[in-house]
Amino acid sequence: MYMRGLRILIGAALIVVGAVWAVQGYGTLTGSFMTGSPVWMWIGIASVVLGVVVLLTSRSAAGRRTRRS
């Protein structure tokens, strides 16, 4: 159960941070050296995708657990 919670936390953090990086890279969120840089937009998109994958695998991993006797 602890590992599932940790995966959910990491996945959610990747999604939030990745979204901020993508918006900064696109140029919508200003005030950073990342503003308007396409590199940071793509890094942000990749982080969001990775976060979604982590969340989905944490969900499916919980369903695969079997009861030990």
N, C-alpha and C. Protein backbone atom coordinates (compact mmCIF):
# COMPACT_ATOMS: atom_id res chain seq x y z
N MET A 1 0.82 -1.20 0.00
CA MET A 1 0.00 0.00 0.00
C MET A 1 0.86 1.26 0.00
N TYR A 2 1.99 1.20 0.69
CA TYR A 2 2.88 2.36 0.76
C TYR A 2 3.44 2.71 -0.61
N MET A 3 3.84 1.70 -1.37
CA MET A 3 4.41 1.95 -2.70
C MET A 3 3.37 2.53 -3.64
N ARG A 4 2.13 2.10 -3.53
CA ARG A 4 1.07 2.64 -4.39
C ARG A 4 0.87 4.12 -4.10
N GLY A 5 0.85 4.48 -2.84
CA GLY A 5 0.70 5.89 -2.46
C GLY A 5 1.87 6.74 -2.95
N LEU A 6 3.06 6.17 -2.87
CA LEU A 6 4.24 6.88 -3.35
C LEU A 6 4.18 7.07 -4.87
N ARG A 7 3.74 6.06 -5.59
CA ARG A 7 3.61 6.17 -7.05
C ARG A 7 2.56 7.22 -7.42
N ILE A 8 1.47 7.25 -6.69
CA ILE A 8 0.44 8.25 -6.96
C ILE A 8 0.99 9.65 -6.72
N LEU A 9 1.73 9.83 -5.65
CA LEU A 9 2.32 11.13 -5.34
C LEU A 9 3.32 11.55 -6.41
N ILE A 10 4.18 10.65 -6.84
CA ILE A 10 5.17 10.96 -7.87
C ILE A 10 4.48 11.26 -9.19
N GLY A 11 3.48 10.47 -9.55
CA GLY A 11 2.75 10.70 -10.79
C GLY A 11 2.05 12.05 -10.80
N ALA A 12 1.40 12.39 -9.71
CA ALA A 12 0.71 13.67 -9.62
C ALA A 12 1.70 14.83 -9.68
N ALA A 13 2.84 14.69 -9.00
CA ALA A 13 3.86 15.75 -9.02
C ALA A 13 4.41 15.93 -10.43
N LEU A 14 4.65 14.84 -11.14
CA LEU A 14 5.13 14.95 -12.52
C LEU A 14 4.12 15.66 -13.42
N ILE A 15 2.85 15.38 -13.21
CA ILE A 15 1.81 16.03 -14.02
C ILE A 15 1.77 17.53 -13.74
N VAL A 16 1.78 17.91 -12.47
CA VAL A 16 1.70 19.33 -12.11
C VAL A 16 2.94 20.09 -12.59
N VAL A 17 4.11 19.57 -12.27
CA VAL A 17 5.35 20.25 -12.66
C VAL A 17 5.49 20.28 -14.18
N GLY A 18 5.15 19.17 -14.83
CA GLY A 18 5.22 19.13 -16.28
C GLY A 18 4.27 20.12 -16.94
N ALA A 19 3.09 20.28 -16.38
CA ALA A 19 2.14 21.26 -16.92
C ALA A 19 2.68 22.68 -16.80
N VAL A 20 3.30 22.99 -15.66
CA VAL A 20 3.89 24.32 -15.48
C VAL A 20 5.02 24.52 -16.49
N TRP A 21 5.89 23.53 -16.65
CA TRP A 21 6.99 23.65 -17.61
C TRP A 21 6.46 23.82 -19.03
N ALA A 22 5.42 23.07 -19.40
CA ALA A 22 4.87 23.17 -20.75
C ALA A 22 4.27 24.55 -21.00
N VAL A 23 3.55 25.07 -20.03
CA VAL A 23 2.93 26.39 -20.18
C VAL A 23 4.00 27.47 -20.23
N GLN A 24 5.04 27.35 -19.42
CA GLN A 24 6.14 28.31 -19.49
C GLN A 24 6.86 28.21 -20.82
N GLY A 25 7.11 27.01 -21.28
CA GLY A 25 7.79 26.83 -22.56
C GLY A 25 6.98 27.38 -23.72
N TYR A 26 5.68 27.29 -23.62
CA TYR A 26 4.80 27.82 -24.66
C TYR A 26 4.80 29.35 -24.65
N GLY A 27 5.07 29.93 -23.49
CA GLY A 27 5.14 31.38 -23.37
C GLY A 27 3.95 32.01 -22.67
N THR A 28 3.02 31.21 -22.19
CA THR A 28 1.83 31.74 -21.51
C THR A 28 2.16 32.21 -20.10
N LEU A 29 2.94 31.46 -19.38
CA LEU A 29 3.34 31.80 -18.02
C LEU A 29 4.71 32.46 -18.08
N THR A 30 4.77 33.73 -17.73
CA THR A 30 6.02 34.49 -17.89
C THR A 30 6.78 34.59 -16.57
N GLY A 31 7.98 35.12 -16.66
CA GLY A 31 8.77 35.41 -15.47
C GLY A 31 9.85 34.39 -15.18
N SER A 32 10.26 33.64 -16.18
CA SER A 32 11.26 32.60 -15.97
C SER A 32 12.16 32.53 -17.19
N PHE A 33 13.34 31.94 -17.00
CA PHE A 33 14.23 31.73 -18.14
C PHE A 33 13.66 30.71 -19.11
N MET A 34 12.66 29.94 -18.67
CA MET A 34 12.03 28.93 -19.51
C MET A 34 10.95 29.51 -20.42
N THR A 35 10.55 30.75 -20.19
CA THR A 35 9.45 31.35 -20.92
C THR A 35 9.79 31.45 -22.41
N GLY A 36 8.92 30.89 -23.22
CA GLY A 36 9.07 30.96 -24.66
C GLY A 36 10.08 29.99 -25.25
N SER A 37 10.58 29.05 -24.44
CA SER A 37 11.56 28.09 -24.92
C SER A 37 10.86 26.78 -25.28
N PRO A 38 10.88 26.41 -26.56
CA PRO A 38 10.22 25.17 -26.97
C PRO A 38 10.79 23.92 -26.30
N VAL A 39 12.05 23.97 -25.91
CA VAL A 39 12.66 22.82 -25.23
C VAL A 39 11.90 22.52 -23.95
N TRP A 40 11.58 23.55 -23.16
CA TRP A 40 10.87 23.35 -21.91
C TRP A 40 9.43 22.94 -22.13
N MET A 41 8.85 23.38 -23.24
CA MET A 41 7.50 22.93 -23.56
C MET A 41 7.49 21.42 -23.79
N TRP A 42 8.45 20.92 -24.55
CA TRP A 42 8.51 19.48 -24.83
C TRP A 42 8.91 18.67 -23.61
N ILE A 43 9.79 19.21 -22.77
CA ILE A 43 10.14 18.53 -21.52
C ILE A 43 8.90 18.45 -20.63
N GLY A 44 8.11 19.52 -20.59
CA GLY A 44 6.89 19.53 -19.81
C GLY A 44 5.86 18.53 -20.30
N ILE A 45 5.70 18.45 -21.62
CA ILE A 45 4.76 17.49 -22.19
C ILE A 45 5.21 16.06 -21.86
N ALA A 46 6.50 15.80 -22.00
CA ALA A 46 7.01 14.47 -21.67
C ALA A 46 6.80 14.14 -20.20
N SER A 47 6.96 15.13 -19.32
CA SER A 47 6.75 14.91 -17.88
C SER A 47 5.28 14.60 -17.58
N VAL A 48 4.38 15.29 -18.25
CA VAL A 48 2.96 15.03 -18.05
C VAL A 48 2.61 13.61 -18.50
N VAL A 49 3.12 13.22 -19.66
CA VAL A 49 2.86 11.87 -20.17
C VAL A 49 3.44 10.82 -19.22
N LEU A 50 4.66 11.05 -18.74
CA LEU A 50 5.27 10.12 -17.80
C LEU A 50 4.46 10.05 -16.50
N GLY A 51 3.96 11.18 -16.03
CA GLY A 51 3.13 11.18 -14.82
C GLY A 51 1.86 10.39 -14.99
N VAL A 52 1.23 10.50 -16.15
CA VAL A 52 0.02 9.73 -16.43
C VAL A 52 0.34 8.24 -16.46
N VAL A 53 1.46 7.89 -17.08
CA VAL A 53 1.87 6.47 -17.14
C VAL A 53 2.12 5.93 -15.73
N VAL A 54 2.78 6.72 -14.89
CA VAL A 54 3.04 6.29 -13.51
C VAL A 54 1.73 6.09 -12.76
N LEU A 55 0.78 7.01 -12.93
CA LEU A 55 -0.52 6.86 -12.26
C LEU A 55 -1.27 5.63 -12.76
N LEU A 56 -1.26 5.42 -14.06
CA LEU A 56 -1.97 4.24 -14.60
C LEU A 56 -1.32 2.94 -14.17
N THR A 57 0.00 2.89 -14.11
CA THR A 57 0.66 1.65 -13.68
C THR A 57 0.47 1.42 -12.18
N SER A 58 0.37 2.47 -11.40
CA SER A 58 0.13 2.28 -9.97
C SER A 58 -1.27 1.74 -9.75
N ARG A 59 -2.20 2.16 -10.58
CA ARG A 59 -3.58 1.68 -10.46
C ARG A 59 -3.68 0.22 -10.89
N SER A 60 -3.02 -0.13 -12.00
CA SER A 60 -3.11 -1.50 -12.48
C SER A 60 -2.28 -2.45 -11.61
N ALA A 61 -1.21 -1.96 -11.01
CA ALA A 61 -0.40 -2.80 -10.14
C ALA A 61 -1.19 -3.20 -8.89
N ALA A 62 -2.06 -2.33 -8.42
CA ALA A 62 -2.86 -2.65 -7.24
C ALA A 62 -3.87 -3.75 -7.56
N GLY A 63 -4.36 -3.78 -8.79
CA GLY A 63 -5.33 -4.79 -9.18
C GLY A 63 -4.72 -6.15 -9.41
N ARG A 64 -3.41 -6.21 -9.65
CA ARG A 64 -2.74 -7.47 -9.93
C ARG A 64 -2.30 -8.21 -8.68
N ARG A 65 -2.37 -7.57 -7.56
CA ARG A 65 -1.91 -8.22 -6.33
C ARG A 65 -2.83 -9.38 -5.99
N THR A 66 -2.21 -10.45 -5.58
CA THR A 66 -2.99 -11.63 -5.19
C THR A 66 -2.87 -11.83 -3.69
N ARG A 67 -3.82 -12.54 -3.18
CA ARG A 67 -3.83 -12.80 -1.74
C ARG A 67 -2.90 -13.94 -1.43
N ARG A 68 -2.01 -13.73 -0.50
CA ARG A 68 -1.07 -14.77 -0.08
C ARG A 68 -1.70 -15.59 1.03
N SER A 69 -1.46 -16.89 0.96
CA SER A 69 -2.01 -17.74 1.99
C SER A 69 -0.96 -18.23 2.94
